[in-house]
Amino acid sequence: MVIYNVTINVEESIHEEWLSWMKSKHLKDVMNTGIFNEYKIFKLLSRQEDETGFTYAIQYQCDSLEKYEKYQSDFAPSLQQDTQAKFGGKFVAFRTLLEEV
């Protein structure tokens, strides 16, 4: 099993709109690719002293590295562009890939 983890910090000014959009649109679009079996979205409770906004970790589970690579090549660019078009400049994201051991 492979977990694709997206950690994202969103500005407070767009937080509610972003979270609503994620739940009603983006997460459904990602799942509709057929690549991932499930997802979980977590809100980070701990904060750094100088941290602003709200931070979330979204974890998508898939069966293999090959499926993840298909997602990256066939779907991720357009889905990430959708997010940039809607909220560009008001969030920072970084992505990691985890393997269950």
PDB file of N, CA and C in Angstrom:
ATOM      1  N   MET A   1       0.837  -1.183   0.000  1.00  0.00           N
ATOM      2  CA  MET A   1       0.000   0.000   0.000  1.00  0.00           C
ATOM      3  C   MET A   1       0.883   1.248   0.000  1.00  0.00           C
ATOM      4  N   VAL A   2       0.427   2.248  -0.746  1.00  0.00           N
ATOM      5  CA  VAL A   2       1.131   3.521  -0.863  1.00  0.00           C
ATOM      6  C   VAL A   2       0.181   4.628  -0.422  1.00  0.00           C
ATOM      7  N   ILE A   3       0.718   5.573   0.345  1.00  0.00           N
ATOM      8  CA  ILE A   3      -0.049   6.740   0.771  1.00  0.00           C
ATOM      9  C   ILE A   3       0.565   7.976   0.120  1.00  0.00           C
ATOM     10  N   TYR A   4      -0.263   8.692  -0.612  1.00  0.00           N
ATOM     11  CA  TYR A   4       0.120   9.977  -1.188  1.00  0.00           C
ATOM     12  C   TYR A   4      -0.377  11.044  -0.221  1.00  0.00           C
ATOM     13  N   ASN A   5       0.539  11.749   0.419  1.00  0.00           N
ATOM     14  CA  ASN A   5       0.215  12.732   1.448  1.00  0.00           C
ATOM     15  C   ASN A   5       0.436  14.139   0.899  1.00  0.00           C
ATOM     16  N   VAL A   6      -0.595  14.957   0.986  1.00  0.00           N
ATOM     17  CA  VAL A   6      -0.485  16.358   0.596  1.00  0.00           C
ATOM     18  C   VAL A   6      -0.703  17.196   1.845  1.00  0.00           C
ATOM     19  N   THR A   7       0.320  17.931   2.244  1.00  0.00           N
ATOM     20  CA  THR A   7       0.219  18.835   3.384  1.00  0.00           C
ATOM     21  C   THR A   7       0.079  20.234   2.817  1.00  0.00           C
ATOM     22  N   ILE A   8      -0.934  20.945   3.290  1.00  0.00           N
ATOM     23  CA  ILE A   8      -1.243  22.247   2.716  1.00  0.00           C
ATOM     24  C   ILE A   8      -1.576  23.239   3.814  1.00  0.00           C
ATOM     25  N   ASN A   9      -0.976  24.416   3.720  1.00  0.00           N
ATOM     26  CA  ASN A   9      -1.273  25.507   4.637  1.00  0.00           C
ATOM     27  C   ASN A   9      -2.032  26.561   3.837  1.00  0.00           C
ATOM     28  N   VAL A  10      -3.229  26.902   4.312  1.00  0.00           N
ATOM     29  CA  VAL A  10      -4.062  27.879   3.614  1.00  0.00           C
ATOM     30  C   VAL A  10      -4.209  29.140   4.461  1.00  0.00           C
ATOM     31  N   GLU A  11      -4.269  30.256   3.786  1.00  0.00           N
ATOM     32  CA  GLU A  11      -4.450  31.524   4.485  1.00  0.00           C
ATOM     33  C   GLU A  11      -5.797  31.549   5.190  1.00  0.00           C
ATOM     34  N   GLU A  12      -5.828  32.220   6.307  1.00  0.00           N
ATOM     35  CA  GLU A  12      -7.060  32.311   7.084  1.00  0.00           C
ATOM     36  C   GLU A  12      -8.194  32.931   6.267  1.00  0.00           C
ATOM     37  N   SER A  13      -7.868  33.876   5.386  1.00  0.00           N
ATOM     38  CA  SER A  13      -8.900  34.588   4.619  1.00  0.00           C
ATOM     39  C   SER A  13      -9.683  33.687   3.668  1.00  0.00           C
ATOM     40  N   ILE A  14      -9.110  32.551   3.259  1.00  0.00           N
ATOM     41  CA  ILE A  14      -9.798  31.646   2.333  1.00  0.00           C
ATOM     42  C   ILE A  14     -10.126  30.302   2.970  1.00  0.00           C
ATOM     43  N   HIS A  15      -9.790  30.143   4.223  1.00  0.00           N
ATOM     44  CA  HIS A  15      -9.881  28.847   4.879  1.00  0.00           C
ATOM     45  C   HIS A  15     -11.242  28.175   4.702  1.00  0.00           C
ATOM     46  N   GLU A  16     -12.311  28.851   5.041  1.00  0.00           N
ATOM     47  CA  GLU A  16     -13.637  28.224   4.978  1.00  0.00           C
ATOM     48  C   GLU A  16     -14.030  27.891   3.540  1.00  0.00           C
ATOM     49  N   GLU A  17     -13.772  28.806   2.614  1.00  0.00           N
ATOM     50  CA  GLU A  17     -14.093  28.548   1.203  1.00  0.00           C
ATOM     51  C   GLU A  17     -13.266  27.380   0.670  1.00  0.00           C
ATOM     52  N   TRP A  18     -11.976  27.354   1.005  1.00  0.00           N
ATOM     53  CA  TRP A  18     -11.097  26.281   0.548  1.00  0.00           C
ATOM     54  C   TRP A  18     -11.569  24.927   1.071  1.00  0.00           C
ATOM     55  N   LEU A  19     -11.872  24.842   2.362  1.00  0.00           N
ATOM     56  CA  LEU A  19     -12.291  23.578   2.954  1.00  0.00           C
ATOM     57  C   LEU A  19     -13.605  23.098   2.337  1.00  0.00           C
ATOM     58  N   SER A  20     -14.524  23.986   2.130  1.00  0.00           N
ATOM     59  CA  SER A  20     -15.790  23.630   1.502  1.00  0.00           C
ATOM     60  C   SER A  20     -15.568  23.124   0.081  1.00  0.00           C
ATOM     61  N   TRP A  21     -14.723  23.808  -0.685  1.00  0.00           N
ATOM     62  CA  TRP A  21     -14.411  23.414  -2.059  1.00  0.00           C
ATOM     63  C   TRP A  21     -13.706  22.062  -2.092  1.00  0.00           C
ATOM     64  N   MET A  22     -12.787  21.852  -1.156  1.00  0.00           N
ATOM     65  CA  MET A  22     -12.090  20.567  -1.099  1.00  0.00           C
ATOM     66  C   MET A  22     -13.083  19.429  -0.905  1.00  0.00           C
ATOM     67  N   LYS A  23     -14.001  19.601   0.036  1.00  0.00           N
ATOM     68  CA  LYS A  23     -14.950  18.536   0.360  1.00  0.00           C
ATOM     69  C   LYS A  23     -16.000  18.339  -0.730  1.00  0.00           C
ATOM     70  N   SER A  24     -16.445  19.407  -1.349  1.00  0.00           N
ATOM     71  CA  SER A  24     -17.523  19.290  -2.330  1.00  0.00           C
ATOM     72  C   SER A  24     -17.035  19.016  -3.747  1.00  0.00           C
ATOM     73  N   LYS A  25     -15.786  19.389  -4.071  1.00  0.00           N
ATOM     74  CA  LYS A  25     -15.312  19.256  -5.449  1.00  0.00           C
ATOM     75  C   LYS A  25     -14.002  18.487  -5.587  1.00  0.00           C
ATOM     76  N   HIS A  26     -12.939  19.050  -5.046  1.00  0.00           N
ATOM     77  CA  HIS A  26     -11.603  18.524  -5.346  1.00  0.00           C
ATOM     78  C   HIS A  26     -11.411  17.073  -4.910  1.00  0.00           C
ATOM     79  N   LEU A  27     -11.767  16.753  -3.686  1.00  0.00           N
ATOM     80  CA  LEU A  27     -11.567  15.385  -3.204  1.00  0.00           C
ATOM     81  C   LEU A  27     -12.381  14.395  -4.037  1.00  0.00           C
ATOM     82  N   LYS A  28     -13.563  14.782  -4.445  1.00  0.00           N
ATOM     83  CA  LYS A  28     -14.374  13.923  -5.318  1.00  0.00           C
ATOM     84  C   LYS A  28     -13.709  13.740  -6.671  1.00  0.00           C
ATOM     85  N   ASP A  29     -13.151  14.825  -7.219  1.00  0.00           N
ATOM     86  CA  ASP A  29     -12.457  14.736  -8.507  1.00  0.00           C
ATOM     87  C   ASP A  29     -11.265  13.785  -8.424  1.00  0.00           C
ATOM     88  N   VAL A  30     -10.500  13.875  -7.349  1.00  0.00           N
ATOM     89  CA  VAL A  30      -9.352  12.975  -7.166  1.00  0.00           C
ATOM     90  C   VAL A  30      -9.827  11.526  -7.070  1.00  0.00           C
ATOM     91  N   MET A  31     -10.842  11.284  -6.282  1.00  0.00           N
ATOM     92  CA  MET A  31     -11.339   9.917  -6.118  1.00  0.00           C
ATOM     93  C   MET A  31     -11.957   9.377  -7.408  1.00  0.00           C
ATOM     94  N   ASN A  32     -12.539  10.237  -8.215  1.00  0.00           N
ATOM     95  CA  ASN A  32     -13.144   9.811  -9.476  1.00  0.00           C
ATOM     96  C   ASN A  32     -12.114   9.382 -10.525  1.00  0.00           C
ATOM     97  N   THR A  33     -10.826   9.603 -10.255  1.00  0.00           N
ATOM     98  CA  THR A  33      -9.794   9.108 -11.175  1.00  0.00           C
ATOM     99  C   THR A  33      -9.714   7.587 -11.139  1.00  0.00           C
ATOM    100  N   GLY A  34     -10.215   6.973 -10.057  1.00  0.00           N
ATOM    101  CA  GLY A  34     -10.146   5.527  -9.912  1.00  0.00           C
ATOM    102  C   GLY A  34      -8.805   5.008  -9.422  1.00  0.00           C
ATOM    103  N   ILE A  35      -7.908   5.904  -9.100  1.00  0.00           N
ATOM    104  CA  ILE A  35      -6.559   5.509  -8.655  1.00  0.00           C
ATOM    105  C   ILE A  35      -6.540   5.137  -7.177  1.00  0.00           C
ATOM    106  N   PHE A  36      -7.235   5.909  -6.373  1.00  0.00           N
ATOM    107  CA  PHE A  36      -7.147   5.760  -4.924  1.00  0.00           C
ATOM    108  C   PHE A  36      -8.338   4.993  -4.356  1.00  0.00           C
ATOM    109  N   ASN A  37      -8.075   4.226  -3.303  1.00  0.00           N
ATOM    110  CA  ASN A  37      -9.112   3.442  -2.633  1.00  0.00           C
ATOM    111  C   ASN A  37      -9.893   4.263  -1.618  1.00  0.00           C
ATOM    112  N   GLU A  38      -9.195   5.159  -0.952  1.00  0.00           N
ATOM    113  CA  GLU A  38      -9.830   6.005   0.057  1.00  0.00           C
ATOM    114  C   GLU A  38      -8.935   7.198   0.349  1.00  0.00           C
ATOM    115  N   TYR A  39      -9.496   8.150   1.056  1.00  0.00           N
ATOM    116  CA  TYR A  39      -8.716   9.300   1.512  1.00  0.00           C
ATOM    117  C   TYR A  39      -9.155   9.665   2.926  1.00  0.00           C
ATOM    118  N   LYS A  40      -8.281  10.383   3.581  1.00  0.00           N
ATOM    119  CA  LYS A  40      -8.589  10.961   4.887  1.00  0.00           C
ATOM    120  C   LYS A  40      -8.027  12.373   4.884  1.00  0.00           C
ATOM    121  N   ILE A  41      -8.751  13.267   5.508  1.00  0.00           N
ATOM    122  CA  ILE A  41      -8.272  14.642   5.626  1.00  0.00           C
ATOM    123  C   ILE A  41      -8.151  14.968   7.115  1.00  0.00           C
ATOM    124  N   PHE A  42      -7.002  15.518   7.482  1.00  0.00           N
ATOM    125  CA  PHE A  42      -6.700  15.830   8.874  1.00  0.00           C
ATOM    126  C   PHE A  42      -6.362  17.307   9.002  1.00  0.00           C
ATOM    127  N   LYS A  43      -6.835  17.922  10.062  1.00  0.00           N
ATOM    128  CA  LYS A  43      -6.435  19.288  10.397  1.00  0.00           C
ATOM    129  C   LYS A  43      -5.356  19.202  11.458  1.00  0.00           C
ATOM    130  N   LEU A  44      -4.227  19.842  11.218  1.00  0.00           N
ATOM    131  CA  LEU A  44      -3.158  19.840  12.208  1.00  0.00           C
ATOM    132  C   LEU A  44      -3.565  20.683  13.401  1.00  0.00           C
ATOM    133  N   LEU A  45      -3.388  20.123  14.583  1.00  0.00           N
ATOM    134  CA  LEU A  45      -3.739  20.823  15.811  1.00  0.00           C
ATOM    135  C   LEU A  45      -2.553  21.589  16.386  1.00  0.00           C
ATOM    136  N   SER A  46      -1.357  21.076  16.161  1.00  0.00           N
ATOM    137  CA  SER A  46      -0.168  21.756  16.675  1.00  0.00           C
ATOM    138  C   SER A  46       0.287  22.794  15.655  1.00  0.00           C
ATOM    139  N   ARG A  47       0.848  23.878  16.178  1.00  0.00           N
ATOM    140  CA  ARG A  47       1.300  24.964  15.319  1.00  0.00           C
ATOM    141  C   ARG A  47       2.671  25.431  15.763  1.00  0.00           C
ATOM    142  N   GLN A  48       3.443  25.897  14.807  1.00  0.00           N
ATOM    143  CA  GLN A  48       4.703  26.550  15.111  1.00  0.00           C
ATOM    144  C   GLN A  48       4.390  27.963  15.603  1.00  0.00           C
ATOM    145  N   GLU A  49       5.289  28.535  16.369  1.00  0.00           N
ATOM    146  CA  GLU A  49       5.061  29.855  16.938  1.00  0.00           C
ATOM    147  C   GLU A  49       4.756  30.913  15.885  1.00  0.00           C
ATOM    148  N   ASP A  50       5.464  30.856  14.761  1.00  0.00           N
ATOM    149  CA  ASP A  50       5.313  31.880  13.727  1.00  0.00           C
ATOM    150  C   ASP A  50       4.363  31.457  12.595  1.00  0.00           C
ATOM    151  N   GLU A  51       3.681  30.343  12.766  1.00  0.00           N
ATOM    152  CA  GLU A  51       2.801  29.827  11.721  1.00  0.00           C
ATOM    153  C   GLU A  51       1.505  30.624  11.646  1.00  0.00           C
ATOM    154  N   THR A  52       1.067  30.877  10.432  1.00  0.00           N
ATOM    155  CA  THR A  52      -0.213  31.545  10.210  1.00  0.00           C
ATOM    156  C   THR A  52      -1.102  30.622   9.384  1.00  0.00           C
ATOM    157  N   GLY A  53      -2.374  30.931   9.318  1.00  0.00           N
ATOM    158  CA  GLY A  53      -3.302  30.139   8.526  1.00  0.00           C
ATOM    159  C   GLY A  53      -3.630  28.812   9.194  1.00  0.00           C
ATOM    160  N   PHE A  54      -4.141  27.902   8.381  1.00  0.00           N
ATOM    161  CA  PHE A  54      -4.548  26.581   8.844  1.00  0.00           C
ATOM    162  C   PHE A  54      -3.833  25.532   8.006  1.00  0.00           C
ATOM    163  N   THR A  55      -3.407  24.452   8.638  1.00  0.00           N
ATOM    164  CA  THR A  55      -2.674  23.401   7.938  1.00  0.00           C
ATOM    165  C   THR A  55      -3.452  22.102   7.984  1.00  0.00           C
ATOM    166  N   TYR A  56      -3.478  21.424   6.838  1.00  0.00           N
ATOM    167  CA  TYR A  56      -4.173  20.150   6.686  1.00  0.00           C
ATOM    168  C   TYR A  56      -3.228  19.140   6.063  1.00  0.00           C
ATOM    169  N   ALA A  57      -3.474  17.884   6.365  1.00  0.00           N
ATOM    170  CA  ALA A  57      -2.797  16.780   5.689  1.00  0.00           C
ATOM    171  C   ALA A  57      -3.896  15.911   5.071  1.00  0.00           C
ATOM    172  N   ILE A  58      -3.786  15.693   3.784  1.00  0.00           N
ATOM    173  CA  ILE A  58      -4.742  14.846   3.072  1.00  0.00           C
ATOM    174  C   ILE A  58      -3.980  13.616   2.616  1.00  0.00           C
ATOM    175  N   GLN A  59      -4.468  12.450   2.994  1.00  0.00           N
ATOM    176  CA  GLN A  59      -3.784  11.198   2.673  1.00  0.00           C
ATOM    177  C   GLN A  59      -4.678  10.353   1.777  1.00  0.00           C
ATOM    178  N   TYR A  60      -4.150  10.048   0.596  1.00  0.00           N
ATOM    179  CA  TYR A  60      -4.847   9.210  -0.378  1.00  0.00           C
ATOM    180  C   TYR A  60      -4.168   7.852  -0.416  1.00  0.00           C
ATOM    181  N   GLN A  61      -4.935   6.790  -0.321  1.00  0.00           N
ATOM    182  CA  GLN A  61      -4.381   5.434  -0.304  1.00  0.00           C
ATOM    183  C   GLN A  61      -4.576   4.767  -1.668  1.00  0.00           C
ATOM    184  N   CYS A  62      -3.507   4.161  -2.181  1.00  0.00           N
ATOM    185  CA  CYS A  62      -3.622   3.364  -3.403  1.00  0.00           C
ATOM    186  C   CYS A  62      -2.837   2.071  -3.242  1.00  0.00           C
ATOM    187  N   ASP A  63      -3.072   1.149  -4.155  1.00  0.00           N
ATOM    188  CA  ASP A  63      -2.536  -0.200  -4.016  1.00  0.00           C
ATOM    189  C   ASP A  63      -1.065  -0.343  -4.401  1.00  0.00           C
ATOM    190  N   SER A  64      -0.577   0.538  -5.278  1.00  0.00           N
ATOM    191  CA  SER A  64       0.785   0.318  -5.779  1.00  0.00           C
ATOM    192  C   SER A  64       1.434   1.621  -6.223  1.00  0.00           C
ATOM    193  N   LEU A  65       2.742   1.579  -6.328  1.00  0.00           N
ATOM    194  CA  LEU A  65       3.512   2.702  -6.834  1.00  0.00           C
ATOM    195  C   LEU A  65       3.150   2.976  -8.290  1.00  0.00           C
ATOM    196  N   GLU A  66       2.857   1.934  -9.045  1.00  0.00           N
ATOM    197  CA  GLU A  66       2.485   2.099 -10.455  1.00  0.00           C
ATOM    198  C   GLU A  66       1.194   2.918 -10.586  1.00  0.00           C
ATOM    199  N   LYS A  67       0.219   2.645  -9.719  1.00  0.00           N
ATOM    200  CA  LYS A  67      -1.034   3.412  -9.755  1.00  0.00           C
ATOM    201  C   LYS A  67      -0.775   4.879  -9.399  1.00  0.00           C
ATOM    202  N   TYR A  68       0.058   5.102  -8.389  1.00  0.00           N
ATOM    203  CA  TYR A  68       0.408   6.464  -8.009  1.00  0.00           C
ATOM    204  C   TYR A  68       1.075   7.188  -9.183  1.00  0.00           C
ATOM    205  N   GLU A  69       1.997   6.513  -9.850  1.00  0.00           N
ATOM    206  CA  GLU A  69       2.692   7.122 -10.988  1.00  0.00           C
ATOM    207  C   GLU A  69       1.719   7.451 -12.121  1.00  0.00           C
ATOM    208  N   LYS A  70       0.718   6.608 -12.321  1.00  0.00           N
ATOM    209  CA  LYS A  70      -0.316   6.896 -13.317  1.00  0.00           C
ATOM    210  C   LYS A  70      -1.083   8.155 -12.914  1.00  0.00           C
ATOM    211  N   TYR A  71      -1.405   8.273 -11.644  1.00  0.00           N
ATOM    212  CA  TYR A  71      -2.080   9.477 -11.170  1.00  0.00           C
ATOM    213  C   TYR A  71      -1.232  10.711 -11.465  1.00  0.00           C
ATOM    214  N   GLN A  72       0.042  10.641 -11.139  1.00  0.00           N
ATOM    215  CA  GLN A  72       0.938  11.777 -11.350  1.00  0.00           C
ATOM    216  C   GLN A  72       1.039  12.163 -12.821  1.00  0.00           C
ATOM    217  N   SER A  73       1.085  11.192 -13.695  1.00  0.00           N
ATOM    218  CA  SER A  73       1.251  11.508 -15.118  1.00  0.00           C
ATOM    219  C   SER A  73      -0.056  11.883 -15.802  1.00  0.00           C
ATOM    220  N   ASP A  74      -1.153  11.245 -15.421  1.00  0.00           N
ATOM    221  CA  ASP A  74      -2.407  11.419 -16.160  1.00  0.00           C
ATOM    222  C   ASP A  74      -3.389  12.403 -15.530  1.00  0.00           C
ATOM    223  N   PHE A  75      -3.326  12.602 -14.228  1.00  0.00           N
ATOM    224  CA  PHE A  75      -4.368  13.381 -13.551  1.00  0.00           C
ATOM    225  C   PHE A  75      -3.872  14.554 -12.713  1.00  0.00           C
ATOM    226  N   ALA A  76      -2.756  14.390 -12.024  1.00  0.00           N
ATOM    227  CA  ALA A  76      -2.304  15.406 -11.066  1.00  0.00           C
ATOM    228  C   ALA A  76      -2.117  16.792 -11.677  1.00  0.00           C
ATOM    229  N   PRO A  77      -1.497  16.912 -12.851  1.00  0.00           N
ATOM    230  CA  PRO A  77      -1.279  18.276 -13.364  1.00  0.00           C
ATOM    231  C   PRO A  77      -2.559  19.097 -13.513  1.00  0.00           C
ATOM    232  N   SER A  78      -3.601  18.523 -14.070  1.00  0.00           N
ATOM    233  CA  SER A  78      -4.828  19.304 -14.261  1.00  0.00           C
ATOM    234  C   SER A  78      -5.544  19.559 -12.941  1.00  0.00           C
ATOM    235  N   LEU A  79      -5.527  18.590 -12.027  1.00  0.00           N
ATOM    236  CA  LEU A  79      -6.171  18.796 -10.730  1.00  0.00           C
ATOM    237  C   LEU A  79      -5.439  19.858  -9.911  1.00  0.00           C
ATOM    238  N   GLN A  80      -4.116  19.848  -9.972  1.00  0.00           N
ATOM    239  CA  GLN A  80      -3.342  20.864  -9.251  1.00  0.00           C
ATOM    240  C   GLN A  80      -3.554  22.237  -9.883  1.00  0.00           C
ATOM    241  N   GLN A  81      -3.699  22.275 -11.206  1.00  0.00           N
ATOM    242  CA  GLN A  81      -3.965  23.539 -11.885  1.00  0.00           C
ATOM    243  C   GLN A  81      -5.308  24.119 -11.475  1.00  0.00           C
ATOM    244  N   ASP A  82      -6.315  23.256 -11.296  1.00  0.00           N
ATOM    245  CA  ASP A  82      -7.624  23.715 -10.825  1.00  0.00           C
ATOM    246  C   ASP A  82      -7.500  24.426  -9.484  1.00  0.00           C
ATOM    247  N   THR A  83      -6.708  23.843  -8.589  1.00  0.00           N
ATOM    248  CA  THR A  83      -6.516  24.432  -7.263  1.00  0.00           C
ATOM    249  C   THR A  83      -5.784  25.762  -7.371  1.00  0.00           C
ATOM    250  N   GLN A  84      -4.755  25.800  -8.212  1.00  0.00           N
ATOM    251  CA  GLN A  84      -4.003  27.045  -8.417  1.00  0.00           C
ATOM    252  C   GLN A  84      -4.901  28.141  -8.987  1.00  0.00           C
ATOM    253  N   ALA A  85      -5.743  27.776  -9.945  1.00  0.00           N
ATOM    254  CA  ALA A  85      -6.626  28.760 -10.573  1.00  0.00           C
ATOM    255  C   ALA A  85      -7.595  29.357  -9.558  1.00  0.00           C
ATOM    256  N   LYS A  86      -8.049  28.548  -8.633  1.00  0.00           N
ATOM    257  CA  LYS A  86      -9.044  29.012  -7.665  1.00  0.00           C
ATOM    258  C   LYS A  86      -8.411  29.724  -6.472  1.00  0.00           C
ATOM    259  N   PHE A  87      -7.271  29.217  -5.976  1.00  0.00           N
ATOM    260  CA  PHE A  87      -6.709  29.729  -4.721  1.00  0.00           C
ATOM    261  C   PHE A  87      -5.230  30.122  -4.820  1.00  0.00           C
ATOM    262  N   GLY A  88      -4.702  30.241  -6.021  1.00  0.00           N
ATOM    263  CA  GLY A  88      -3.278  30.514  -6.208  1.00  0.00           C
ATOM    264  C   GLY A  88      -2.780  31.691  -5.391  1.00  0.00           C
ATOM    265  N   GLY A  89      -1.621  31.516  -4.781  1.00  0.00           N
ATOM    266  CA  GLY A  89      -1.009  32.564  -3.982  1.00  0.00           C
ATOM    267  C   GLY A  89      -1.508  32.633  -2.547  1.00  0.00           C
ATOM    268  N   LYS A  90      -2.499  31.807  -2.219  1.00  0.00           N
ATOM    269  CA  LYS A  90      -3.072  31.859  -0.873  1.00  0.00           C
ATOM    270  C   LYS A  90      -2.894  30.549  -0.123  1.00  0.00           C
ATOM    271  N   PHE A  91      -2.051  29.689  -0.657  1.00  0.00           N
ATOM    272  CA  PHE A  91      -1.753  28.427   0.014  1.00  0.00           C
ATOM    273  C   PHE A  91      -0.361  27.965  -0.379  1.00  0.00           C
ATOM    274  N   VAL A  92       0.175  27.103   0.453  1.00  0.00           N
ATOM    275  CA  VAL A  92       1.457  26.454   0.179  1.00  0.00           C
ATOM    276  C   VAL A  92       1.247  24.974   0.424  1.00  0.00           C
ATOM    277  N   ALA A  93       1.701  24.153  -0.526  1.00  0.00           N
ATOM    278  CA  ALA A  93       1.526  22.710  -0.392  1.00  0.00           C
ATOM    279  C   ALA A  93       2.849  21.993  -0.621  1.00  0.00           C
ATOM    280  N   PHE A  94       3.018  20.880   0.076  1.00  0.00           N
ATOM    281  CA  PHE A  94       4.108  19.982  -0.268  1.00  0.00           C
ATOM    282  C   PHE A  94       3.579  18.555  -0.185  1.00  0.00           C
ATOM    283  N   ARG A  95       4.179  17.723  -1.018  1.00  0.00           N
ATOM    284  CA  ARG A  95       3.674  16.370  -1.198  1.00  0.00           C
ATOM    285  C   ARG A  95       4.748  15.345  -0.834  1.00  0.00           C
ATOM    286  N   THR A  96       4.310  14.278  -0.184  1.00  0.00           N
ATOM    287  CA  THR A  96       5.217  13.188   0.157  1.00  0.00           C
ATOM    288  C   THR A  96       4.553  11.871  -0.197  1.00  0.00           C
ATOM    289  N   LEU A  97       5.364  10.876  -0.402  1.00  0.00           N
ATOM    290  CA  LEU A  97       4.883   9.543  -0.712  1.00  0.00           C
ATOM    291  C   LEU A  97       5.334   8.616   0.394  1.00  0.00           C
ATOM    292  N   LEU A  98       4.390   7.866   0.956  1.00  0.00           N
ATOM    293  CA  LEU A  98       4.662   6.971   2.075  1.00  0.00           C
ATOM    294  C   LEU A  98       4.344   5.549   1.673  1.00  0.00           C
ATOM    295  N   GLU A  99       5.102   4.613   2.228  1.00  0.00           N
ATOM    296  CA  GLU A  99       4.855   3.203   1.984  1.00  0.00           C
ATOM    297  C   GLU A  99       4.641   2.509   3.313  1.00  0.00           C
ATOM    298  N   GLU A 100       3.606   1.702   3.381  1.00  0.00           N
ATOM    299  CA  GLU A 100       3.346   0.940   4.595  1.00  0.00           C
ATOM    300  C   GLU A 100       4.422  -0.143   4.743  1.00  0.00           C
ATOM    301  N   VAL A 101       4.968  -0.262   5.942  1.00  0.00           N
ATOM    302  CA  VAL A 101       6.009  -1.267   6.194  1.00  0.00           C
ATOM    303  C   VAL A 101       5.569  -2.203   7.320  1.00  0.00           C
TER     304      VAL A 101
END
